[in-house]
Amino acid sequence: KVESARVSRSSSPPHRRPISTPSFWAQPGVAKPPLELPIAGLRASAAGPMEDPSNDEVIAELVHRIQLHVMPRRIRCREFFNDFDPLRCGRCTMPQLAKALNTIGVGMTEQEVDTLAEHYTDHGPRATKPQVVNYYRFCADVDNIFSSEEEQDNMKSMMMTSSPGSTVMSTFRPNSVEDEDRFYHVLHRVATLCKARGVLLKPLYTDLDRAAIPMPSRQNPRRGGKVTRQQFIRTWPFKKEMSPDDLELLCDRYSTKGGDIHFMALHNEVSEVLGDPEQPFPTSPLHLRADGTRWSHQDLPVVKKIMSKVVEKRVRLKEHFQDFDPLRKGFCTPGQVKTVITIMGLGKDIDKYDFETILSMYMQDDGLFDYRSFCDDVDKAFTLPNLENYPYARTSMPDASTTAPARRNTMRLSEAKLAKVRKVEEKIRTFVRKRRAEMKPMFQDFDRAHRGYVTRSQFTRIMSMMQFDLDEKAIDLLAGIYCDFGNHNDFNYKTFLRSIDPPAGDVEVAMMQMTSPFVPWSPKPYFNSRGRVIPRSASAPMLPC
């Protein structure tokens, strides 16, 4: 029984153990004080040590030092702790914290690491020693610099170099001097001397900072932007113009913790004082003249323009709209209309004004676009609506005339100009007929891509080669008719040749037969379209006996 009582007493939890009182209070005549448990103290010890305001300032300074190192190098601290935490519990040991900081490249003393570890130590029931340092909170505090633009602007002291490393910030901050006015006076003097004599401070120290081969005089890291104090004074170009006190003031301003001089910081500040070093140079900007020409596309309805493009590309509109209308109600939003036009490749042929015109024509009161009516109007180029109601109606296949409104953008000329154009064409036609000149090979020599167009200057050269000189006014008149591509430069020589030197009738028939598909010979039918027999005299001529 005694042994079992001992076991049960030893196995009971600490908060259920009986509290024993000293024998002094058991004496007769001594009042027993009330029992008070330090609940607040227990809760405080469980939550962790009490925070000290001075300790918070030290922690903030240490975190700021780490941020100064991490921000310009775009380092994420959490990646350096993953190897120490395979279970991803978010905690590591104090030596592992020191190893991670050393791997990141932050130089800290052992006392500073202990201060950080003590601040980020967890005291909860799940934290088991020695893995008690919560690196999740530490990384979150350090990474706050990446999400705060205000803090980044405060940390940006200056740029180490210009392009391509212009996004790399320097962690060096110039030291504060007692006489700021005197320093800025000296800085302006240095900037004025550099501008007057064409001196750049950065190349002067390049041999000491960026030498590719090892040398005793290069005591700083390569491309670090720093030189020693003796090297800075020895290479200074303005020793006669500046006193030693002014030079010492510059050295005190740009000295680092190791005693070196950060000449890149001085170079950047001098460059800011100098301003933009680029010299002005003459330019010739493009100034387009106002074009008062009226084109055919300006009077062409938008639906007809889209109809011509749809026939030319042989595309179907309705299926694209139905992708946005699963219930087949025949309506969609204006944004979906723009998407369909872009998918079909019609966006480059329709400007913003034409698009707004289409929306205003087919927009409903509820703000939806009636694409079913729009598709019916466009499909009229292929067939007639409700064709079953007209059994005798005949439909024709779309030809070049159907797509011509979209492919050709001609100029609108007055009747007086058209009369002058006809006179010029008649002169050229008479010249070609008399000389029996072949004009087409000359145009084809300039049209290597067989587009059917030559430039306006090439047309002038061709007419000069044929010894038919045209003045500038005549060329302007002809360009007003045959420049049908929406500009004043592309000259349609095929249409010009058909007007000036048209082929004979039998030649056109022969060319049509050569380009058309093969049609076998078939006898002439002896009945008409109504099924009636045609008399012999009308169906075939009487052969002589």
Protein backbone atom coordinates (compact mmCIF):
# COMPACT_ATOMS: atom_id res chain seq x y z
CA LYS A 1 0.00 0.00 0.00
CA VAL A 2 2.82 2.44 0.78
CA GLU A 3 4.52 1.73 -2.56
CA SER A 4 1.27 2.20 -4.48
CA ALA A 5 0.65 5.51 -2.69
CA ARG A 6 4.12 6.69 -3.63
CA VAL A 7 3.60 5.77 -7.29
CA SER A 8 0.22 7.48 -7.48
CA ARG A 9 1.61 10.57 -5.75
CA SER A 10 4.62 10.80 -8.08
CA SER A 11 2.54 10.21 -11.25
CA SER A 12 0.00 12.95 -10.50
CA PRO A 13 0.35 16.11 -12.63
CA PRO A 14 2.04 19.15 -11.08
CA HIS A 15 -1.11 21.25 -10.94
CA ARG A 16 -2.96 18.53 -8.98
CA ARG A 17 -0.29 17.79 -6.42
CA PRO A 18 -1.24 18.67 -2.82
CA ILE A 19 0.48 21.80 -1.61
CA SER A 20 2.34 21.13 1.63
CA THR A 21 2.67 23.84 4.28
CA PRO A 22 5.65 24.33 6.59
CA SER A 23 5.47 22.93 10.13
CA PHE A 24 5.81 26.46 11.55
CA TRP A 25 2.21 27.27 10.60
CA ALA A 26 1.07 24.03 12.22
CA GLN A 27 2.05 25.26 15.67
CA PRO A 28 -0.83 26.32 17.94
CA GLY A 29 -1.50 30.04 18.13
CA VAL A 30 -0.02 30.89 14.70
CA ALA A 31 -2.49 32.13 12.11
CA LYS A 32 -2.16 30.52 8.69
CA PRO A 33 -1.96 33.08 5.82
CA PRO A 34 -4.27 32.75 2.82
CA LEU A 35 -2.88 30.63 -0.01
CA GLU A 36 -2.21 32.68 -3.17
CA LEU A 37 -1.01 31.13 -6.40
CA PRO A 38 1.00 33.34 -8.83
CA ILE A 39 -1.39 32.79 -11.73
CA ALA A 40 -0.31 35.94 -13.60
CA GLY A 41 3.32 34.96 -13.15
CA LEU A 42 2.66 31.46 -14.47
CA ARG A 43 0.83 32.84 -17.50
CA ALA A 44 3.62 35.32 -18.16
CA SER A 45 6.27 32.63 -17.95
CA ALA A 46 4.27 30.41 -20.31
CA ALA A 47 3.81 33.20 -22.85
CA GLY A 48 7.48 34.22 -22.81
CA PRO A 49 9.71 36.91 -21.31
CA MET A 50 8.42 40.42 -20.90
CA GLU A 51 9.25 42.76 -23.82
CA ASP A 52 11.68 45.57 -23.26
CA PRO A 53 11.33 48.79 -25.30
CA SER A 54 15.11 49.09 -25.63
CA ASN A 55 15.30 45.48 -26.82
CA ASP A 56 12.71 46.25 -29.53
CA GLU A 57 14.88 49.07 -30.85
CA VAL A 58 17.88 46.76 -31.04
CA ILE A 59 15.83 44.12 -32.87
CA ALA A 60 14.48 46.71 -35.30
CA GLU A 61 18.03 47.88 -36.04
CA LEU A 62 19.25 44.33 -36.64
CA VAL A 63 16.32 43.55 -38.93
CA HIS A 64 16.95 46.79 -40.80
CA ARG A 65 20.58 45.78 -41.33
CA ILE A 66 19.44 42.46 -42.78
CA GLN A 67 16.93 44.23 -45.02
CA LEU A 68 19.68 46.53 -46.31
CA HIS A 69 21.61 43.45 -47.35
CA VAL A 70 18.65 41.47 -48.68
CA MET A 71 16.77 44.13 -50.66
CA PRO A 72 19.33 45.01 -53.39
CA ARG A 73 20.14 41.33 -53.92
CA ARG A 74 16.49 40.19 -53.99
CA ILE A 75 17.16 37.42 -51.45
CA ARG A 76 14.37 35.47 -49.77
CA CYS A 77 15.54 34.37 -46.33
CA ARG A 78 13.13 31.47 -45.96
CA GLU A 79 14.94 29.40 -48.57
CA PHE A 80 18.02 29.23 -46.37
CA PHE A 81 16.08 27.61 -43.49
CA ASN A 82 14.36 24.84 -45.44
CA ASP A 83 17.30 22.45 -45.10
CA PHE A 84 17.19 22.78 -41.29
CA ASP A 85 13.44 22.14 -41.08
CA PRO A 86 12.47 19.01 -43.06
CA LEU A 87 9.08 18.78 -41.29
CA ARG A 88 8.28 22.44 -42.00
CA CYS A 89 7.30 23.21 -38.44
CA GLY A 90 8.65 26.75 -38.74
CA ARG A 91 11.33 26.48 -36.03
CA CYS A 92 15.08 25.90 -35.96
CA THR A 93 17.92 25.96 -33.43
CA MET A 94 20.12 28.91 -32.52
CA PRO A 95 23.24 27.56 -34.32
CA GLN A 96 21.12 26.94 -37.41
CA LEU A 97 19.97 30.58 -37.31
CA ALA A 98 23.59 31.68 -37.18
CA LYS A 99 24.45 29.38 -40.13
CA ALA A 100 21.56 30.73 -42.21
CA LEU A 101 22.59 34.34 -41.56
CA ASN A 102 26.17 33.49 -42.47
CA THR A 103 25.00 31.82 -45.70
CA ILE A 104 22.91 34.87 -46.60
CA GLY A 105 26.03 36.99 -46.19
CA VAL A 106 25.03 39.15 -43.24
CA GLY A 107 27.95 39.72 -40.92
CA MET A 108 26.74 39.56 -37.30
CA THR A 109 28.45 39.00 -34.01
CA GLU A 110 27.58 36.15 -31.67
CA GLN A 111 25.86 38.55 -29.28
CA GLU A 112 23.64 39.94 -32.07
CA VAL A 113 22.66 36.44 -33.17
CA ASP A 114 21.78 35.57 -29.55
CA THR A 115 19.62 38.70 -29.35
CA LEU A 116 17.72 37.76 -32.49
CA ALA A 117 17.31 34.16 -31.35
CA GLU A 118 15.99 35.24 -27.96
CA HIS A 119 13.48 37.61 -29.58
CA TYR A 120 12.11 34.99 -31.98
CA THR A 121 12.08 32.10 -29.51
CA ASP A 122 8.74 30.32 -29.01
CA HIS A 123 7.72 29.38 -25.44
CA GLY A 124 4.56 27.47 -26.24
CA PRO A 125 3.84 23.83 -25.45
CA ARG A 126 4.69 22.71 -29.00
CA ALA A 127 8.17 24.21 -28.98
CA THR A 128 10.67 21.56 -27.93
CA LYS A 129 14.27 22.45 -27.26
CA PRO A 130 16.63 23.07 -28.94
CA GLN A 131 14.41 23.76 -32.00
CA VAL A 132 12.63 26.81 -30.56
CA VAL A 133 13.62 29.73 -32.82
CA ASN A 134 10.60 30.67 -34.98
CA TYR A 135 12.22 31.54 -38.31
CA TYR A 136 8.78 32.02 -39.94
CA ARG A 137 8.27 35.23 -37.97
CA PHE A 138 11.83 36.30 -38.61
CA CYS A 139 11.48 35.84 -42.40
CA ALA A 140 8.12 37.61 -42.40
CA ASP A 141 9.64 40.65 -40.67
CA VAL A 142 12.56 40.75 -43.10
CA ASP A 143 10.36 40.27 -46.20
CA ASN A 144 8.19 43.24 -45.29
CA ILE A 145 10.64 45.36 -47.25
CA PHE A 146 9.46 43.76 -50.51
CA SER A 147 5.81 44.64 -49.94
CA SER A 148 6.26 48.24 -48.74
CA GLU A 149 7.12 50.72 -51.47
CA GLU A 150 7.59 53.49 -48.91
CA GLU A 151 10.31 51.57 -47.10
CA GLN A 152 12.00 50.75 -50.39
CA ASP A 153 12.09 54.42 -51.33
CA ASN A 154 13.61 55.23 -47.96
CA MET A 155 16.27 52.57 -48.41
CA LYS A 156 17.27 53.66 -51.90
CA SER A 157 20.31 55.78 -51.28
CA MET A 158 21.81 55.76 -54.76
CA MET A 159 22.55 53.50 -57.68
CA MET A 160 25.81 51.67 -57.92
CA THR A 161 26.04 51.80 -61.70
CA SER A 162 24.06 52.87 -64.69
CA SER A 163 22.49 50.47 -67.18
CA PRO A 164 22.38 47.45 -67.28
CA GLY A 165 22.65 47.30 -63.48
CA SER A 166 20.55 50.36 -62.80
CA THR A 167 18.10 48.33 -60.71
CA VAL A 168 20.82 47.25 -58.25
CA MET A 169 20.84 49.50 -55.19
CA SER A 170 23.85 50.27 -53.07
CA THR A 171 23.73 49.51 -49.37
CA PHE A 172 26.21 52.33 -48.72
CA ARG A 173 24.87 55.52 -47.18
CA PRO A 174 26.98 58.69 -47.22
CA ASN A 175 28.04 59.87 -43.80
CA SER A 176 26.62 63.03 -42.34
CA VAL A 177 29.03 65.95 -41.92
CA GLU A 178 28.86 68.85 -39.53
CA ASP A 179 28.89 71.68 -42.09
CA GLU A 180 26.36 70.64 -44.75
CA ASP A 181 26.48 74.02 -46.52
CA ARG A 182 30.22 73.79 -46.98
CA PHE A 183 29.94 70.24 -48.29
CA TYR A 184 27.35 71.19 -50.92
CA HIS A 185 29.50 74.15 -51.92
CA VAL A 186 32.45 71.78 -52.45
CA LEU A 187 30.24 69.32 -54.33
CA HIS A 188 29.06 72.05 -56.71
CA ARG A 189 32.66 73.13 -57.26
CA VAL A 190 33.60 69.55 -58.18
CA ALA A 191 30.64 69.32 -60.55
CA THR A 192 31.55 72.64 -62.20
CA LEU A 193 35.17 71.56 -62.68
CA CYS A 194 34.09 68.23 -64.15
CA LYS A 195 31.77 69.96 -66.60
CA ALA A 196 34.25 72.65 -67.61
CA ARG A 197 37.19 70.29 -68.16
CA GLY A 198 35.25 67.25 -69.35
CA VAL A 199 36.43 65.05 -66.48
CA LEU A 200 34.58 61.94 -65.31
CA LEU A 201 35.41 60.67 -61.83
CA LYS A 202 34.35 57.10 -62.43
CA PRO A 203 36.94 56.17 -65.13
CA LEU A 204 39.76 57.63 -63.03
CA TYR A 205 39.44 54.85 -60.46
CA THR A 206 38.56 52.05 -62.87
CA ASP A 207 42.07 50.62 -62.94
CA LEU A 208 42.10 50.39 -59.17
CA ASP A 209 38.60 48.93 -58.87
CA ARG A 210 38.00 46.73 -61.94
CA ALA A 211 41.34 45.27 -62.88
CA ALA A 212 40.79 41.76 -64.23
CA ILE A 213 44.18 40.50 -63.00
CA PRO A 214 45.23 40.28 -59.35
CA MET A 215 47.36 43.19 -58.22
CA PRO A 216 48.58 44.42 -54.81
CA SER A 217 47.00 47.87 -55.22
CA ARG A 218 43.48 46.44 -55.57
CA GLN A 219 42.54 45.82 -51.96
CA ASN A 220 38.75 45.95 -52.45
CA PRO A 221 36.40 43.53 -54.22
CA ARG A 222 36.28 43.87 -57.97
CA ARG A 223 33.52 46.20 -59.19
CA GLY A 224 32.79 47.19 -55.61
CA GLY A 225 32.95 50.94 -56.27
CA LYS A 226 35.49 51.49 -53.48
CA VAL A 227 39.18 52.36 -53.24
CA THR A 228 41.47 53.03 -50.34
CA ARG A 229 41.90 56.49 -48.89
CA GLN A 230 45.47 56.84 -50.22
CA GLN A 231 44.39 55.75 -53.70
CA PHE A 232 41.51 58.24 -53.70
CA ILE A 233 43.73 61.17 -52.70
CA ARG A 234 46.57 60.18 -55.06
CA THR A 235 44.25 59.94 -58.10
CA TRP A 236 42.16 63.04 -57.32
CA PRO A 237 42.28 65.28 -60.44
CA PHE A 238 41.65 68.67 -58.79
CA LYS A 239 44.43 68.96 -56.22
CA LYS A 240 45.45 72.47 -57.25
CA GLU A 241 41.93 73.82 -57.35
CA MET A 242 40.84 72.42 -53.98
CA SER A 243 42.39 72.71 -50.54
CA PRO A 244 43.34 69.64 -48.48
CA ASP A 245 40.55 70.45 -46.02
CA ASP A 246 37.95 70.21 -48.79
CA LEU A 247 39.41 66.90 -49.92
CA GLU A 248 39.31 65.60 -46.38
CA LEU A 249 35.69 66.69 -46.15
CA LEU A 250 34.88 64.57 -49.21
CA CYS A 251 36.76 61.62 -47.73
CA ASP A 252 34.82 61.89 -44.47
CA ARG A 253 31.54 62.10 -46.38
CA TYR A 254 32.10 58.98 -48.51
CA SER A 255 34.20 56.82 -46.18
CA THR A 256 32.97 53.31 -45.37
CA LYS A 257 33.21 51.38 -42.14
CA GLY A 258 36.42 49.73 -43.33
CA GLY A 259 38.13 53.06 -43.98
CA ASP A 260 37.76 52.96 -47.80
CA ILE A 261 36.28 55.69 -49.99
CA HIS A 262 33.13 54.94 -51.99
CA PHE A 263 33.94 56.82 -55.19
CA MET A 264 30.80 55.54 -56.99
CA ALA A 265 28.61 57.41 -54.51
CA LEU A 266 30.56 60.60 -55.22
CA HIS A 267 30.31 60.01 -58.97
CA ASN A 268 26.54 59.54 -58.77
CA GLU A 269 25.96 62.67 -56.72
CA VAL A 270 28.16 64.73 -59.05
CA SER A 271 26.20 63.36 -62.02
CA GLU A 272 22.94 64.44 -60.37
CA VAL A 273 24.31 67.96 -59.90
CA LEU A 274 25.51 68.12 -63.51
CA GLY A 275 22.15 67.14 -64.89
CA ASP A 276 21.60 65.51 -68.25
CA PRO A 277 24.97 65.24 -70.08
CA GLU A 278 23.36 64.71 -73.48
CA GLN A 279 23.91 67.50 -75.93
CA PRO A 280 21.01 68.78 -78.06
CA PHE A 281 21.07 67.67 -81.66
CA PRO A 282 18.96 68.71 -84.66
CA THR A 283 15.88 66.64 -85.35
CA SER A 284 13.49 66.36 -88.23
CA PRO A 285 10.12 65.23 -86.87
CA LEU A 286 7.46 63.94 -89.20
CA HIS A 287 4.67 66.42 -89.82
CA LEU A 288 1.87 64.93 -91.89
CA ARG A 289 -0.01 67.26 -94.15
CA ALA A 290 -3.74 67.52 -93.83
CA ASP A 291 -5.35 65.28 -96.45
CA GLY A 292 -8.64 66.64 -97.71
CA THR A 293 -9.27 63.70 -100.02
CA ARG A 294 -12.58 61.95 -99.65
CA TRP A 295 -12.39 58.15 -99.91
CA SER A 296 -15.06 55.64 -100.80
CA HIS A 297 -14.76 53.84 -97.44
CA GLN A 298 -15.99 56.96 -95.70
CA ASP A 299 -19.37 56.61 -97.42
CA LEU A 300 -19.47 52.79 -97.31
CA PRO A 301 -21.88 51.34 -94.73
CA VAL A 302 -20.23 49.36 -91.98
CA VAL A 303 -22.38 46.27 -92.53
CA LYS A 304 -21.50 46.21 -96.21
CA LYS A 305 -17.83 46.50 -95.37
CA ILE A 306 -18.04 43.56 -92.98
CA MET A 307 -20.07 41.63 -95.56
CA SER A 308 -17.35 42.10 -98.16
CA LYS A 309 -14.65 40.94 -95.75
CA VAL A 310 -16.69 37.91 -94.69
CA VAL A 311 -17.19 36.90 -98.33
CA GLU A 312 -13.53 37.46 -99.09
CA LYS A 313 -12.32 35.32 -96.17
CA ARG A 314 -15.18 32.79 -96.40
CA VAL A 315 -15.86 32.82 -92.66
CA ARG A 316 -19.04 32.23 -90.70
CA LEU A 317 -20.12 34.66 -88.03
CA LYS A 318 -22.91 32.81 -86.31
CA GLU A 319 -20.84 29.94 -84.92
CA HIS A 320 -18.43 32.33 -83.22
CA PHE A 321 -21.27 34.21 -81.53
CA GLN A 322 -22.92 30.97 -80.39
CA ASP A 323 -19.83 30.11 -78.35
CA PHE A 324 -20.86 32.96 -76.02
CA ASP A 325 -24.58 32.07 -76.14
CA PRO A 326 -25.07 28.51 -74.81
CA LEU A 327 -28.86 29.00 -74.53
CA ARG A 328 -29.11 30.21 -78.17
CA LYS A 329 -31.10 33.32 -77.27
CA GLY A 330 -29.45 35.38 -79.99
CA PHE A 331 -27.93 38.03 -77.71
CA CYS A 332 -24.48 38.74 -76.31
CA THR A 333 -22.58 41.57 -74.65
CA PRO A 334 -20.63 44.31 -76.50
CA GLY A 335 -17.36 42.92 -75.15
CA GLN A 336 -18.13 39.54 -76.66
CA VAL A 337 -18.86 41.22 -80.01
CA LYS A 338 -15.43 42.80 -79.94
CA THR A 339 -13.88 39.43 -79.09
CA VAL A 340 -15.59 37.76 -82.07
CA ILE A 341 -14.44 40.50 -84.44
CA THR A 342 -10.88 40.16 -83.15
CA ILE A 343 -10.88 36.36 -83.46
CA MET A 344 -12.08 36.55 -87.06
CA GLY A 345 -9.36 39.04 -87.99
CA LEU A 346 -11.74 41.91 -88.78
CA GLY A 347 -10.41 44.26 -86.12
CA LYS A 348 -7.78 45.79 -88.43
CA ASP A 349 -10.47 46.67 -91.01
CA ILE A 350 -12.91 48.24 -88.53
CA ASP A 351 -11.98 51.27 -86.49
CA LYS A 352 -13.51 52.44 -83.23
CA TYR A 353 -16.10 54.62 -84.95
CA ASP A 354 -17.34 51.71 -87.10
CA PHE A 355 -17.57 49.47 -84.05
CA GLU A 356 -19.67 52.02 -82.20
CA THR A 357 -21.90 52.31 -85.26
CA ILE A 358 -22.53 48.55 -85.29
CA LEU A 359 -23.38 48.57 -81.60
CA SER A 360 -25.84 51.42 -82.04
CA MET A 361 -27.57 49.63 -84.93
CA TYR A 362 -28.15 46.29 -83.19
CA MET A 363 -28.14 47.22 -79.48
CA GLN A 364 -31.27 46.38 -77.50
CA ASP A 365 -32.83 48.35 -74.68
CA ASP A 366 -31.34 46.01 -72.05
CA GLY A 367 -27.78 46.63 -73.31
CA LEU A 368 -27.38 43.33 -75.22
CA PHE A 369 -26.28 42.97 -78.83
CA ASP A 370 -28.69 41.22 -81.25
CA TYR A 371 -26.14 39.13 -83.13
CA ARG A 372 -28.83 37.05 -84.86
CA SER A 373 -30.10 40.02 -86.87
CA PHE A 374 -26.55 41.11 -87.52
CA CYS A 375 -25.59 37.69 -88.91
CA ASP A 376 -28.73 37.57 -91.09
CA ASP A 377 -27.83 40.91 -92.67
CA VAL A 378 -24.27 39.80 -93.34
CA ASP A 379 -25.34 36.43 -94.79
CA LYS A 380 -27.40 38.15 -97.46
CA ALA A 381 -24.23 38.10 -99.57
CA PHE A 382 -24.51 34.29 -99.82
CA THR A 383 -28.25 33.72 -100.03
CA LEU A 384 -31.64 35.35 -99.72
CA PRO A 385 -33.50 35.25 -96.41
CA ASN A 386 -36.59 33.02 -96.44
CA LEU A 387 -35.64 31.54 -99.79
CA GLU A 388 -38.21 28.77 -99.38
CA ASN A 389 -40.98 31.33 -99.81
CA TYR A 390 -39.74 32.25 -103.31
CA PRO A 391 -39.49 29.07 -105.41
CA TYR A 392 -38.74 30.91 -108.68
CA ALA A 393 -35.98 33.05 -107.19
CA ARG A 394 -32.41 32.41 -108.38
CA THR A 395 -29.38 33.18 -106.30
CA SER A 396 -25.96 33.90 -107.72
CA MET A 397 -22.64 33.06 -106.15
CA PRO A 398 -20.61 36.02 -104.79
CA ASP A 399 -17.93 37.23 -107.19
CA ALA A 400 -15.25 39.90 -107.27
CA SER A 401 -17.81 42.67 -107.35
CA THR A 402 -19.12 41.54 -103.96
CA THR A 403 -15.74 41.91 -102.27
CA ALA A 404 -14.64 44.98 -104.23
CA PRO A 405 -16.05 47.54 -101.73
CA ALA A 406 -13.76 46.20 -99.02
CA ARG A 407 -10.73 45.54 -101.22
CA ARG A 408 -10.76 48.86 -103.04
CA ASN A 409 -10.75 52.28 -101.43
CA THR A 410 -10.93 54.82 -104.25
CA MET A 411 -10.96 58.60 -104.22
CA ARG A 412 -14.09 60.65 -104.81
CA LEU A 413 -13.45 63.00 -107.75
CA SER A 414 -15.61 65.72 -109.21
CA GLU A 415 -17.03 65.61 -112.73
CA ALA A 416 -14.54 68.19 -113.95
CA LYS A 417 -11.60 66.08 -112.84
CA LEU A 418 -13.15 62.95 -114.34
CA ALA A 419 -13.42 64.72 -117.70
CA LYS A 420 -9.73 65.68 -117.54
CA VAL A 421 -8.81 62.10 -116.65
CA ARG A 422 -10.66 60.81 -119.71
CA LYS A 423 -8.71 63.23 -121.95
CA VAL A 424 -5.38 62.04 -120.55
CA GLU A 425 -6.41 58.39 -120.96
CA GLU A 426 -7.43 59.04 -124.57
CA LYS A 427 -4.00 60.49 -125.35
CA ILE A 428 -2.24 57.49 -123.82
CA ARG A 429 -4.61 55.08 -125.59
CA THR A 430 -3.89 56.71 -128.97
CA PHE A 431 -0.14 56.60 -128.33
CA VAL A 432 -0.22 52.89 -127.45
CA ARG A 433 -2.40 52.02 -130.45
CA LYS A 434 -0.10 53.83 -132.87
CA ARG A 435 3.17 52.49 -131.46
CA ARG A 436 1.78 49.01 -130.77
CA ALA A 437 3.66 49.17 -127.43
CA GLU A 438 3.52 46.42 -124.82
CA MET A 439 3.16 48.09 -121.44
CA LYS A 440 2.45 45.08 -119.23
CA PRO A 441 6.02 43.60 -119.21
CA MET A 442 7.42 46.92 -118.03
CA PHE A 443 5.00 47.04 -115.11
CA GLN A 444 5.72 43.40 -114.22
CA ASP A 445 9.45 44.16 -114.02
CA PHE A 446 8.72 46.50 -111.10
CA ASP A 447 6.11 44.19 -109.54
CA ARG A 448 8.19 41.24 -108.39
CA ALA A 449 5.55 40.07 -105.91
CA HIS A 450 2.76 40.15 -108.56
CA ARG A 451 0.53 42.29 -106.38
CA GLY A 452 -0.84 44.27 -109.31
CA TYR A 453 0.49 47.54 -107.85
CA VAL A 454 3.48 49.77 -108.48
CA THR A 455 4.46 52.96 -106.76
CA ARG A 456 3.68 56.35 -108.15
CA SER A 457 7.32 57.09 -108.94
CA GLN A 458 7.67 53.75 -110.73
CA PHE A 459 4.66 54.61 -112.89
CA THR A 460 6.31 57.91 -113.83
CA ARG A 461 9.53 56.08 -114.75
CA ILE A 462 7.65 53.58 -116.93
CA MET A 463 5.87 56.33 -118.85
CA SER A 464 9.20 58.12 -119.32
CA MET A 465 10.81 54.91 -120.60
CA MET A 466 8.04 54.66 -123.18
CA GLN A 467 8.90 58.24 -124.26
CA PHE A 468 5.52 59.51 -123.15
CA ASP A 469 6.24 62.23 -120.65
CA LEU A 470 3.47 63.24 -118.28
CA ASP A 471 3.48 66.37 -116.20
CA GLU A 472 2.73 66.37 -112.49
CA LYS A 473 -0.88 67.42 -112.95
CA ALA A 474 -1.63 64.55 -115.32
CA ILE A 475 -0.03 62.07 -112.89
CA ASP A 476 -2.16 63.47 -110.06
CA LEU A 477 -5.30 62.99 -112.15
CA LEU A 478 -4.43 59.39 -113.02
CA ALA A 479 -3.49 58.65 -109.41
CA GLY A 480 -6.89 59.90 -108.31
CA ILE A 481 -8.51 57.11 -110.35
CA TYR A 482 -6.07 54.20 -110.07
CA CYS A 483 -4.68 54.66 -106.54
CA ASP A 484 -7.47 52.55 -105.03
CA PHE A 485 -5.68 51.05 -102.04
CA GLY A 486 -6.53 53.81 -99.60
CA ASN A 487 -3.37 55.89 -100.17
CA HIS A 488 -1.75 58.16 -102.76
CA ASN A 489 1.20 55.91 -103.56
CA ASP A 490 0.01 52.43 -104.70
CA PHE A 491 -0.94 52.55 -108.39
CA ASN A 492 -3.17 49.74 -109.73
CA TYR A 493 -1.59 49.10 -113.11
CA LYS A 494 -3.85 46.16 -114.01
CA THR A 495 -6.95 48.34 -113.99
CA PHE A 496 -4.98 51.00 -115.86
CA LEU A 497 -3.97 48.54 -118.61
CA ARG A 498 -7.53 47.26 -119.01
CA SER A 499 -8.63 50.84 -119.63
CA ILE A 500 -5.75 51.93 -121.87
CA ASP A 501 -5.04 48.76 -123.88
CA PRO A 502 -8.08 46.48 -123.59
CA PRO A 503 -7.71 43.03 -125.18
CA ALA A 504 -9.81 41.97 -128.16
CA GLY A 505 -13.01 40.00 -127.68
CA ASP A 506 -11.60 36.69 -128.93
CA VAL A 507 -8.56 37.16 -126.70
CA GLU A 508 -10.77 37.64 -123.66
CA VAL A 509 -12.73 34.50 -124.53
CA ALA A 510 -9.52 32.53 -124.97
CA MET A 511 -8.15 33.80 -121.66
CA MET A 512 -11.40 32.96 -119.89
CA GLN A 513 -11.37 29.46 -121.35
CA MET A 514 -7.78 28.94 -120.27
CA THR A 515 -8.41 30.03 -116.70
CA SER A 516 -11.83 28.36 -116.28
CA PRO A 517 -12.23 24.68 -115.36
CA PHE A 518 -12.59 22.07 -118.08
CA VAL A 519 -16.14 21.60 -119.40
CA PRO A 520 -16.71 18.59 -121.70
CA TRP A 521 -18.74 19.00 -124.90
CA SER A 522 -22.42 18.21 -124.64
CA PRO A 523 -25.08 18.27 -127.40
CA LYS A 524 -27.51 21.10 -127.52
CA PRO A 525 -30.76 20.24 -125.70
CA TYR A 526 -33.94 19.89 -127.79
CA PHE A 527 -36.24 21.20 -125.04
CA ASN A 528 -36.41 24.44 -123.21
CA SER A 529 -36.55 25.18 -119.46
CA ARG A 530 -40.31 24.46 -119.35
CA GLY A 531 -39.87 21.01 -120.86
CA ARG A 532 -41.33 21.84 -124.30
CA VAL A 533 -39.67 20.44 -127.43
CA ILE A 534 -37.91 23.02 -129.55
CA PRO A 535 -38.71 22.82 -133.28
CA ARG A 536 -35.97 21.54 -135.56
CA SER A 537 -35.65 24.79 -137.41
CA ALA A 538 -35.09 26.64 -134.16
CA SER A 539 -32.89 24.09 -132.48
CA ALA A 540 -30.42 23.57 -135.32
CA PRO A 541 -29.89 25.24 -138.70
CA MET A 542 -30.92 23.42 -141.87
CA LEU A 543 -27.95 21.73 -143.45
CA PRO A 544 -27.59 22.24 -147.18
CA CYS A 545 -28.26 19.23 -149.38
